[in-house]
Amino acid sequence: MFVSTREALETIFPQASDEDIGKYENQLDKVDDFDPVLIISPNHNWINQHTLQTYQAVMNAFATNDLQQQNNRRDENSLCVFHFATVTELYTVRRNIRKLHPNAFFDPNAQPQQMPIGTAWILNKVGIRKSDFGEDDSFFVLRP
């Protein structure tokens, strides 16, 4: 059973205002059915440790990495909802960001323990205001 896009967004961003949920919902209305969308909910502990400016730099990298035309973004300046044309593009950008910003990823073997920059959710729009989504709990985990 698919949930409404609003319900998906409210699950992903439980503290978000109705206004923010509405903005994200409008952004997702422009996404073609079955295109992958990466949604990152921030880890505030990571932001406190690394600064908001560093967090925004990583989110800007997700928004612009590997785009051919300058000034193009895949997030409409939301810094959290990223539309990709294919799953391959999504994971290519992830791999690129791992090289550019390794501190955004969690290394389970590191001492002291690290934390990831946020929680990654993958959403696919499957119809008018209907979505399939789930947490990708290994998205921000470094692997050898």
Protein backbone atom coordinates (compact mmCIF):
# COMPACT_ATOMS: atom_id res chain seq x y z
CA MET A 1 0.00 0.00 0.00
CA PHE A 2 1.38 3.40 -0.93
CA VAL A 3 1.10 6.40 1.36
CA SER A 4 0.39 9.98 0.47
CA THR A 5 3.44 12.08 -0.24
CA ARG A 6 2.46 14.30 2.70
CA GLU A 7 2.42 11.29 5.05
CA ALA A 8 5.85 10.24 3.80
CA LEU A 9 7.24 13.74 4.39
CA GLU A 10 5.69 13.94 7.86
CA THR A 11 7.40 10.64 8.75
CA ILE A 12 10.75 11.82 7.41
CA PHE A 13 10.52 15.30 8.97
CA PRO A 14 8.44 14.87 12.15
CA GLN A 15 9.42 18.31 13.49
CA ALA A 16 8.80 20.22 10.22
CA SER A 17 6.13 22.89 10.02
CA ASP A 18 3.09 22.51 7.76
CA GLU A 19 4.60 25.26 5.62
CA ASP A 20 7.87 23.33 5.13
CA ILE A 21 6.00 20.09 4.42
CA GLY A 22 3.95 21.99 1.83
CA LYS A 23 7.12 23.31 0.15
CA TYR A 24 8.63 19.83 -0.04
CA GLU A 25 5.33 18.43 -1.31
CA ASN A 26 5.22 21.08 -4.07
CA GLN A 27 8.80 20.22 -4.97
CA LEU A 28 7.90 16.53 -5.25
CA ASP A 29 4.86 17.33 -7.41
CA LYS A 30 7.36 18.25 -10.17
CA VAL A 31 9.11 14.86 -10.03
CA ASP A 32 8.22 12.28 -12.67
CA ASP A 33 6.71 9.03 -11.44
CA PHE A 34 9.34 6.46 -10.42
CA ASP A 35 12.26 8.93 -10.48
CA PRO A 36 14.37 8.43 -7.33
CA VAL A 37 14.42 11.19 -4.77
CA LEU A 38 16.99 11.33 -1.98
CA ILE A 39 15.72 13.07 1.14
CA ILE A 40 18.20 13.81 3.91
CA SER A 41 16.96 14.61 7.39
CA PRO A 42 19.77 16.35 9.27
CA ASN A 43 21.63 15.00 12.27
CA HIS A 44 21.75 18.03 14.57
CA ASN A 45 24.55 16.51 16.65
CA TRP A 46 26.68 16.30 13.49
CA ILE A 47 25.84 19.94 12.67
CA ASN A 48 26.79 21.04 16.20
CA GLN A 49 30.10 19.23 15.90
CA HIS A 50 31.00 20.29 12.34
CA THR A 51 29.07 23.62 11.94
CA LEU A 52 26.03 24.58 9.92
CA GLN A 53 28.25 26.01 7.19
CA THR A 54 29.93 22.61 6.69
CA TYR A 55 26.54 20.88 6.64
CA GLN A 56 25.30 23.30 3.98
CA ALA A 57 28.46 22.71 1.90
CA VAL A 58 27.76 18.96 1.88
CA MET A 59 24.08 19.50 0.99
CA ASN A 60 25.12 21.89 -1.80
CA ALA A 61 27.43 19.17 -3.09
CA PHE A 62 24.50 16.73 -3.23
CA ALA A 63 22.50 19.40 -5.06
CA THR A 64 25.08 20.19 -7.73
CA ASN A 65 27.60 17.34 -8.06
CA ASP A 66 27.96 15.86 -11.53
CA LEU A 67 25.52 18.29 -13.17
CA GLN A 68 26.69 19.44 -16.58
CA GLN A 69 25.33 22.99 -16.52
CA GLN A 70 26.51 25.47 -13.95
CA ASN A 71 23.76 26.95 -11.73
CA ASN A 72 21.64 23.79 -12.06
CA ARG A 73 20.44 22.21 -8.85
CA ARG A 74 18.55 19.03 -8.13
CA ASP A 75 17.02 20.35 -4.88
CA GLU A 76 15.32 23.69 -5.70
CA ASN A 77 17.46 25.15 -2.89
CA SER A 78 15.75 23.00 -0.24
CA LEU A 79 19.09 21.50 0.89
CA CYS A 80 17.28 18.25 1.73
CA VAL A 81 15.13 16.96 -1.16
CA PHE A 82 17.24 15.87 -4.16
CA HIS A 83 15.68 14.67 -7.43
CA PHE A 84 17.69 12.29 -9.61
CA ALA A 85 16.93 11.03 -13.10
CA THR A 86 18.14 7.50 -12.30
CA VAL A 87 19.23 5.36 -9.37
CA THR A 88 22.67 5.15 -10.99
CA GLU A 89 22.98 8.94 -10.89
CA LEU A 90 21.95 9.00 -7.21
CA TYR A 91 24.60 6.48 -6.16
CA THR A 92 27.27 8.02 -8.41
CA VAL A 93 26.74 11.34 -6.63
CA ARG A 94 26.87 9.54 -3.26
CA ARG A 95 30.22 8.00 -4.22
CA ASN A 96 31.52 11.42 -5.32
CA ILE A 97 30.38 13.05 -2.06
CA ARG A 98 32.12 10.29 -0.05
CA LYS A 99 35.39 11.36 -1.67
CA LEU A 100 34.73 15.10 -1.28
CA HIS A 101 33.29 15.04 2.26
CA PRO A 102 34.27 11.81 4.03
CA ASN A 103 33.46 13.36 7.43
CA ALA A 104 29.77 13.32 6.45
CA PHE A 105 29.82 9.52 6.55
CA PHE A 106 29.91 7.12 9.46
CA ASP A 107 32.87 4.77 9.72
CA PRO A 108 31.87 1.91 12.04
CA ASN A 109 35.55 1.04 12.63
CA ALA A 110 36.66 4.54 13.63
CA GLN A 111 37.67 5.42 17.18
CA PRO A 112 36.21 7.51 18.64
CA GLN A 113 32.86 6.65 17.13
CA GLN A 114 31.70 8.96 14.36
CA MET A 115 28.21 9.97 13.40
CA PRO A 116 26.65 10.46 9.97
CA ILE A 117 25.53 13.85 8.68
CA GLY A 118 21.91 12.73 8.60
CA THR A 119 19.43 10.04 7.74
CA ALA A 120 18.92 9.17 4.07
CA TRP A 121 15.48 8.29 2.74
CA ILE A 122 14.74 7.14 -0.80
CA LEU A 123 11.34 8.11 -2.14
CA ASN A 124 9.66 7.24 -5.41
CA LYS A 125 6.53 9.02 -6.51
CA VAL A 126 4.12 6.37 -7.80
CA GLY A 127 1.17 8.54 -8.75
CA ILE A 128 -0.51 11.80 -8.00
CA ARG A 129 0.46 12.55 -4.41
CA LYS A 130 1.27 8.89 -3.68
CA SER A 131 4.74 7.67 -2.76
CA ASP A 132 6.78 4.65 -1.84
CA PHE A 133 9.63 5.46 0.54
CA GLY A 134 12.04 3.97 3.01
CA GLU A 135 15.11 4.72 5.05
CA ASP A 136 18.43 3.68 3.52
CA ASP A 137 20.25 2.95 6.76
CA SER A 138 23.55 2.20 5.02
CA PHE A 139 23.63 5.29 2.79
CA PHE A 140 25.99 7.23 5.08
CA VAL A 141 28.10 4.24 6.17
CA LEU A 142 31.68 4.10 4.90
CA ARG A 143 32.80 0.76 3.58
CA PRO A 144 36.33 -0.23 2.64
